[in-house]
C-alpha cells in the first residue's frame, strides 16, 4: 500500500506533497531532517493523505496534486 501525503511546515506554513509506502517513517524522516531540501523548514505536520494500491497510482496522483 502507498500513500500520497501533504505536509505543512510549521515554520513557514508551506505545503509539500509526496508519496511513500511508510507514512509514519516518512513523516519522522522529514522532522528529523533526513530530507536535505526540507531540513530548514522543520517541523512538519501531516495535513492530508490518500491510500493507493500501487506505486504507479500514487505517483500519478502526486503529479495531479502538484
PDB file of N, CA and C in Angstrom:
ATOM      1  N   UNK A   1       0.844  -1.177   0.000  1.00  0.00           N
ATOM      2  CA  UNK A   1       0.000   0.000   0.000  1.00  0.00           C
ATOM      3  C   UNK A   1       0.892   1.245   0.000  1.00  0.00           C
ATOM      4  N   UNK A   2       0.491   2.232  -0.763  1.00  0.00           N
ATOM      5  CA  UNK A   2       1.209   3.503  -0.853  1.00  0.00           C
ATOM      6  C   UNK A   2       0.288   4.631  -0.432  1.00  0.00           C
ATOM      7  N   UNK A   3       0.898   5.694   0.002  1.00  0.00           N
ATOM      8  CA  UNK A   3       0.130   6.885   0.392  1.00  0.00           C
ATOM      9  C   UNK A   3       0.708   8.112  -0.294  1.00  0.00           C
ATOM     10  N   UNK A   4      -0.186   8.958  -0.752  1.00  0.00           N
ATOM     11  CA  UNK A   4       0.174  10.302  -1.191  1.00  0.00           C
ATOM     12  C   UNK A   4      -0.144  11.182   0.000  1.00  0.00           C
ATOM     13  N   UNK A   5       0.776  12.068   0.336  1.00  0.00           N
ATOM     14  CA  UNK A   5       0.584  12.868   1.544  1.00  0.00           C
ATOM     15  C   UNK A   5       0.879  14.337   1.291  1.00  0.00           C
ATOM     16  N   UNK A   6       0.283  15.157   2.112  1.00  0.00           N
ATOM     17  CA  UNK A   6       0.571  16.591   2.122  1.00  0.00           C
ATOM     18  C   UNK A   6       0.980  16.933   3.545  1.00  0.00           C
ATOM     19  N   UNK A   7       2.144  17.540   3.662  1.00  0.00           N
ATOM     20  CA  UNK A   7       2.616  18.009   4.961  1.00  0.00           C
ATOM     21  C   UNK A   7       2.757  19.521   4.905  1.00  0.00           C
ATOM     22  N   UNK A   8       2.688  20.135   6.067  1.00  0.00           N
ATOM     23  CA  UNK A   8       2.818  21.588   6.150  1.00  0.00           C
ATOM     24  C   UNK A   8       3.941  21.928   7.112  1.00  0.00           C
ATOM     25  N   UNK A   9       4.766  22.866   6.708  1.00  0.00           N
ATOM     26  CA  UNK A   9       5.842  23.352   7.561  1.00  0.00           C
ATOM     27  C   UNK A   9       5.265  24.276   8.620  1.00  0.00           C
ATOM     28  N   UNK A  10       5.576  23.999   9.860  1.00  0.00           N
ATOM     29  CA  UNK A  10       5.143  24.889  10.948  1.00  0.00           C
ATOM     30  C   UNK A  10       5.962  26.175  10.953  1.00  0.00           C
ATOM     31  N   UNK A  11       7.112  26.141  10.297  1.00  0.00           N
ATOM     32  CA  UNK A  11       7.997  27.306  10.265  1.00  0.00           C
ATOM     33  C   UNK A  11       7.505  28.381   9.294  1.00  0.00           C
ATOM     34  N   UNK A  12       7.134  27.973   8.073  1.00  0.00           N
ATOM     35  CA  UNK A  12       6.740  28.968   7.064  1.00  0.00           C
ATOM     36  C   UNK A  12       5.358  28.713   6.452  1.00  0.00           C
ATOM     37  N   UNK A  13       4.644  27.719   6.961  1.00  0.00           N
ATOM     38  CA  UNK A  13       3.278  27.385   6.536  1.00  0.00           C
ATOM     39  C   UNK A  13       3.175  26.845   5.107  1.00  0.00           C
ATOM     40  N   UNK A  14       4.292  26.554   4.456  1.00  0.00           N
ATOM     41  CA  UNK A  14       4.252  25.998   3.106  1.00  0.00           C
ATOM     42  C   UNK A  14       3.817  24.539   3.136  1.00  0.00           C
ATOM     43  N   UNK A  15       3.250  24.086   2.008  1.00  0.00           N
ATOM     44  CA  UNK A  15       2.820  22.702   1.859  1.00  0.00           C
ATOM     45  C   UNK A  15       3.796  21.958   0.959  1.00  0.00           C
ATOM     46  N   UNK A  16       3.960  20.668   1.236  1.00  0.00           N
ATOM     47  CA  UNK A  16       4.812  19.793   0.440  1.00  0.00           C
ATOM     48  C   UNK A  16       4.058  18.496   0.195  1.00  0.00           C
ATOM     49  N   UNK A  17       4.170  17.983  -1.033  1.00  0.00           N
ATOM     50  CA  UNK A  17       3.447  16.783  -1.437  1.00  0.00           C
ATOM     51  C   UNK A  17       4.453  15.692  -1.762  1.00  0.00           C
ATOM     52  N   UNK A  18       4.124  14.460  -1.379  1.00  0.00           N
ATOM     53  CA  UNK A  18       4.984  13.331  -1.690  1.00  0.00           C
ATOM     54  C   UNK A  18       4.200  12.035  -1.665  1.00  0.00           C
ATOM     55  N   UNK A  19       4.912  10.925  -1.883  1.00  0.00           N
ATOM     56  CA  UNK A  19       4.297   9.605  -1.757  1.00  0.00           C
ATOM     57  C   UNK A  19       5.278   8.694  -1.040  1.00  0.00           C
ATOM     58  N   UNK A  20       4.755   7.660  -0.417  1.00  0.00           N
ATOM     59  CA  UNK A  20       5.586   6.743   0.352  1.00  0.00           C
ATOM     60  C   UNK A  20       4.845   5.444   0.606  1.00  0.00           C
ATOM     61  N   UNK A  21       5.592   4.415   0.949  1.00  0.00           N
ATOM     62  CA  UNK A  21       4.979   3.153   1.368  1.00  0.00           C
ATOM     63  C   UNK A  21       4.925   3.048   2.889  1.00  0.00           C
ATOM     64  N   UNK A  22       5.534   4.015   3.583  1.00  0.00           N
ATOM     65  CA  UNK A  22       5.531   4.015   5.052  1.00  0.00           C
ATOM     66  C   UNK A  22       5.369   5.453   5.539  1.00  0.00           C
ATOM     67  N   UNK A  23       4.145   5.870   5.706  1.00  0.00           N
ATOM     68  CA  UNK A  23       3.849   7.268   6.027  1.00  0.00           C
ATOM     69  C   UNK A  23       4.444   7.701   7.363  1.00  0.00           C
ATOM     70  N   UNK A  24       4.321   6.867   8.376  1.00  0.00           N
ATOM     71  CA  UNK A  24       4.834   7.237   9.695  1.00  0.00           C
ATOM     72  C   UNK A  24       6.345   7.469   9.652  1.00  0.00           C
ATOM     73  N   UNK A  25       7.070   6.560   8.980  1.00  0.00           N
ATOM     74  CA  UNK A  25       8.522   6.695   8.869  1.00  0.00           C
ATOM     75  C   UNK A  25       8.894   7.923   8.050  1.00  0.00           C
ATOM     76  N   UNK A  26       8.164   8.163   6.990  1.00  0.00           N
ATOM     77  CA  UNK A  26       8.479   9.309   6.123  1.00  0.00           C
ATOM     78  C   UNK A  26       8.294  10.630   6.859  1.00  0.00           C
ATOM     79  N   UNK A  27       7.223  10.754   7.628  1.00  0.00           N
ATOM     80  CA  UNK A  27       6.998  11.970   8.404  1.00  0.00           C
ATOM     81  C   UNK A  27       8.104  12.142   9.444  1.00  0.00           C
ATOM     82  N   UNK A  28       8.485  11.051  10.073  1.00  0.00           N
ATOM     83  CA  UNK A  28       9.583  11.097  11.042  1.00  0.00           C
ATOM     84  C   UNK A  28      10.883  11.532  10.363  1.00  0.00           C
ATOM     85  N   UNK A  29      11.154  11.001   9.175  1.00  0.00           N
ATOM     86  CA  UNK A  29      12.353  11.394   8.423  1.00  0.00           C
ATOM     87  C   UNK A  29      12.343  12.890   8.125  1.00  0.00           C
ATOM     88  N   UNK A  30      11.209  13.411   7.697  1.00  0.00           N
ATOM     89  CA  UNK A  30      11.105  14.851   7.422  1.00  0.00           C
ATOM     90  C   UNK A  30      11.403  15.653   8.693  1.00  0.00           C
ATOM     91  N   UNK A  31      10.842  15.242   9.797  1.00  0.00           N
ATOM     92  CA  UNK A  31      11.001  16.001  11.040  1.00  0.00           C
ATOM     93  C   UNK A  31      12.371  15.834  11.685  1.00  0.00           C
ATOM     94  N   UNK A  32      13.100  14.797  11.321  1.00  0.00           N
ATOM     95  CA  UNK A  32      14.468  14.616  11.827  1.00  0.00           C
ATOM     96  C   UNK A  32      15.509  15.255  10.914  1.00  0.00           C
ATOM     97  N   UNK A  33      15.055  15.820   9.798  1.00  0.00           N
ATOM     98  CA  UNK A  33      15.972  16.499   8.893  1.00  0.00           C
ATOM     99  C   UNK A  33      16.670  15.588   7.914  1.00  0.00           C
ATOM    100  N   UNK A  34      16.140  14.402   7.680  1.00  0.00           N
ATOM    101  CA  UNK A  34      16.767  13.456   6.756  1.00  0.00           C
ATOM    102  C   UNK A  34      16.495  13.802   5.293  1.00  0.00           C
ATOM    103  N   UNK A  35      15.611  14.747   5.054  1.00  0.00           N
ATOM    104  CA  UNK A  35      15.337  15.238   3.705  1.00  0.00           C
ATOM    105  C   UNK A  35      16.045  16.583   3.569  1.00  0.00           C
ATOM    106  N   UNK A  36      17.190  16.582   2.898  1.00  0.00           N
ATOM    107  CA  UNK A  36      18.040  17.777   2.844  1.00  0.00           C
ATOM    108  C   UNK A  36      17.321  19.027   2.370  1.00  0.00           C
ATOM    109  N   UNK A  37      16.514  18.904   1.338  1.00  0.00           N
ATOM    110  CA  UNK A  37      15.873  20.087   0.760  1.00  0.00           C
ATOM    111  C   UNK A  37      14.843  20.720   1.688  1.00  0.00           C
ATOM    112  N   UNK A  38      14.346  19.971   2.658  1.00  0.00           N
ATOM    113  CA  UNK A  38      13.322  20.499   3.565  1.00  0.00           C
ATOM    114  C   UNK A  38      13.822  20.678   4.992  1.00  0.00           C
ATOM    115  N   UNK A  39      15.061  20.364   5.247  1.00  0.00           N
ATOM    116  CA  UNK A  39      15.610  20.382   6.608  1.00  0.00           C
ATOM    117  C   UNK A  39      15.366  21.706   7.325  1.00  0.00           C
ATOM    118  N   UNK A  40      15.560  22.811   6.642  1.00  0.00           N
ATOM    119  CA  UNK A  40      15.441  24.131   7.283  1.00  0.00           C
ATOM    120  C   UNK A  40      13.992  24.539   7.550  1.00  0.00           C
ATOM    121  N   UNK A  41      13.047  23.774   7.050  1.00  0.00           N
ATOM    122  CA  UNK A  41      11.632  24.136   7.202  1.00  0.00           C
ATOM    123  C   UNK A  41      10.919  23.320   8.287  1.00  0.00           C
ATOM    124  N   UNK A  42      11.659  22.529   9.041  1.00  0.00           N
ATOM    125  CA  UNK A  42      11.078  21.713  10.121  1.00  0.00           C
ATOM    126  C   UNK A  42      10.504  22.587  11.208  1.00  0.00           C
ATOM    127  N   UNK A  43       9.552  22.080  11.962  1.00  0.00           N
ATOM    128  CA  UNK A  43       8.886  20.779  11.905  1.00  0.00           C
ATOM    129  C   UNK A  43       7.714  20.783  10.929  1.00  0.00           C
ATOM    130  N   UNK A  44       7.257  19.575  10.612  1.00  0.00           N
ATOM    131  CA  UNK A  44       6.138  19.377   9.696  1.00  0.00           C
ATOM    132  C   UNK A  44       4.993  18.675  10.398  1.00  0.00           C
ATOM    133  N   UNK A  45       3.803  18.958   9.907  1.00  0.00           N
ATOM    134  CA  UNK A  45       2.635  18.215  10.381  1.00  0.00           C
ATOM    135  C   UNK A  45       1.900  17.662   9.169  1.00  0.00           C
ATOM    136  N   UNK A  46       1.342  16.491   9.326  1.00  0.00           N
ATOM    137  CA  UNK A  46       0.567  15.859   8.268  1.00  0.00           C
ATOM    138  C   UNK A  46      -0.795  16.531   8.201  1.00  0.00           C
ATOM    139  N   UNK A  47      -1.180  16.978   7.008  1.00  0.00           N
ATOM    140  CA  UNK A  47      -2.488  17.616   6.864  1.00  0.00           C
ATOM    141  C   UNK A  47      -3.455  16.796   6.006  1.00  0.00           C
ATOM    142  N   UNK A  48      -2.912  15.852   5.195  1.00  0.00           N
ATOM    143  CA  UNK A  48      -3.796  15.068   4.328  1.00  0.00           C
ATOM    144  C   UNK A  48      -3.049  13.858   3.797  1.00  0.00           C
ATOM    145  N   UNK A  49      -3.765  12.751   3.599  1.00  0.00           N
ATOM    146  CA  UNK A  49      -3.180  11.588   2.922  1.00  0.00           C
ATOM    147  C   UNK A  49      -4.271  10.772   2.244  1.00  0.00           C
ATOM    148  N   UNK A  50      -3.866  10.060   1.197  1.00  0.00           N
ATOM    149  CA  UNK A  50      -4.747   9.162   0.451  1.00  0.00           C
ATOM    150  C   UNK A  50      -4.023   7.833   0.258  1.00  0.00           C
ATOM    151  N   UNK A  51      -4.773   6.730   0.243  1.00  0.00           N
ATOM    152  CA  UNK A  51      -4.199   5.394   0.061  1.00  0.00           C
ATOM    153  C   UNK A  51      -4.328   4.942  -1.391  1.00  0.00           C
ATOM    154  N   UNK A  52      -3.276   4.235  -1.862  1.00  0.00           N
ATOM    155  CA  UNK A  52      -3.278   3.645  -3.198  1.00  0.00           C
ATOM    156  C   UNK A  52      -2.662   2.262  -3.139  1.00  0.00           C
ATOM    157  N   UNK A  53      -3.146   1.377  -3.990  1.00  0.00           N
ATOM    158  CA  UNK A  53      -2.647   0.002  -4.007  1.00  0.00           C
ATOM    159  C   UNK A  53      -1.266  -0.120  -4.627  1.00  0.00           C
ATOM    160  N   UNK A  54      -0.997   0.690  -5.643  1.00  0.00           N
ATOM    161  CA  UNK A  54       0.277   0.550  -6.352  1.00  0.00           C
ATOM    162  C   UNK A  54       1.081   1.846  -6.316  1.00  0.00           C
ATOM    163  N   UNK A  55       2.365   1.676  -6.499  1.00  0.00           N
ATOM    164  CA  UNK A  55       3.268   2.825  -6.543  1.00  0.00           C
ATOM    165  C   UNK A  55       2.929   3.726  -7.728  1.00  0.00           C
ATOM    166  N   UNK A  56       2.621   3.125  -8.870  1.00  0.00           N
ATOM    167  CA  UNK A  56       2.319   3.938 -10.057  1.00  0.00           C
ATOM    168  C   UNK A  56       1.066   4.787  -9.863  1.00  0.00           C
ATOM    169  N   UNK A  57       0.062   4.258  -9.171  1.00  0.00           N
ATOM    170  CA  UNK A  57      -1.136   5.049  -8.872  1.00  0.00           C
ATOM    171  C   UNK A  57      -0.788   6.227  -7.963  1.00  0.00           C
ATOM    172  N   UNK A  58       0.052   5.970  -6.979  1.00  0.00           N
ATOM    173  CA  UNK A  58       0.450   7.028  -6.048  1.00  0.00           C
ATOM    174  C   UNK A  58       1.243   8.121  -6.764  1.00  0.00           C
ATOM    175  N   UNK A  59       2.152   7.716  -7.623  1.00  0.00           N
ATOM    176  CA  UNK A  59       2.952   8.689  -8.373  1.00  0.00           C
ATOM    177  C   UNK A  59       2.056   9.535  -9.272  1.00  0.00           C
ATOM    178  N   UNK A  60       1.114   8.884  -9.938  1.00  0.00           N
ATOM    179  CA  UNK A  60       0.188   9.611 -10.815  1.00  0.00           C
ATOM    180  C   UNK A  60      -0.607  10.649 -10.020  1.00  0.00           C
ATOM    181  N   UNK A  61      -1.108  10.258  -8.862  1.00  0.00           N
ATOM    182  CA  UNK A  61      -1.895  11.183  -8.032  1.00  0.00           C
ATOM    183  C   UNK A  61      -1.026  12.317  -7.504  1.00  0.00           C
ATOM    184  N   UNK A  62       0.193  11.998  -7.091  1.00  0.00           N
ATOM    185  CA  UNK A  62       1.110  13.038  -6.616  1.00  0.00           C
ATOM    186  C   UNK A  62       1.306  14.099  -7.701  1.00  0.00           C
ATOM    187  N   UNK A  63       1.495  13.673  -8.926  1.00  0.00           N
ATOM    188  CA  UNK A  63       1.677  14.603 -10.043  1.00  0.00           C
ATOM    189  C   UNK A  63       0.431  15.451 -10.274  1.00  0.00           C
ATOM    190  N   UNK A  64      -0.757  14.853 -10.120  1.00  0.00           N
ATOM    191  CA  UNK A  64      -2.004  15.611 -10.283  1.00  0.00           C
ATOM    192  C   UNK A  64      -2.102  16.728  -9.248  1.00  0.00           C
ATOM    193  N   UNK A  65      -1.746  16.407  -8.023  1.00  0.00           N
ATOM    194  CA  UNK A  65      -1.846  17.393  -6.943  1.00  0.00           C
ATOM    195  C   UNK A  65      -0.830  18.512  -7.133  1.00  0.00           C
ATOM    196  N   UNK A  66       0.387  18.144  -7.526  1.00  0.00           N
ATOM    197  CA  UNK A  66       1.435  19.152  -7.705  1.00  0.00           C
ATOM    198  C   UNK A  66       1.090  20.060  -8.861  1.00  0.00           C
TER     199      UNK A  66
END
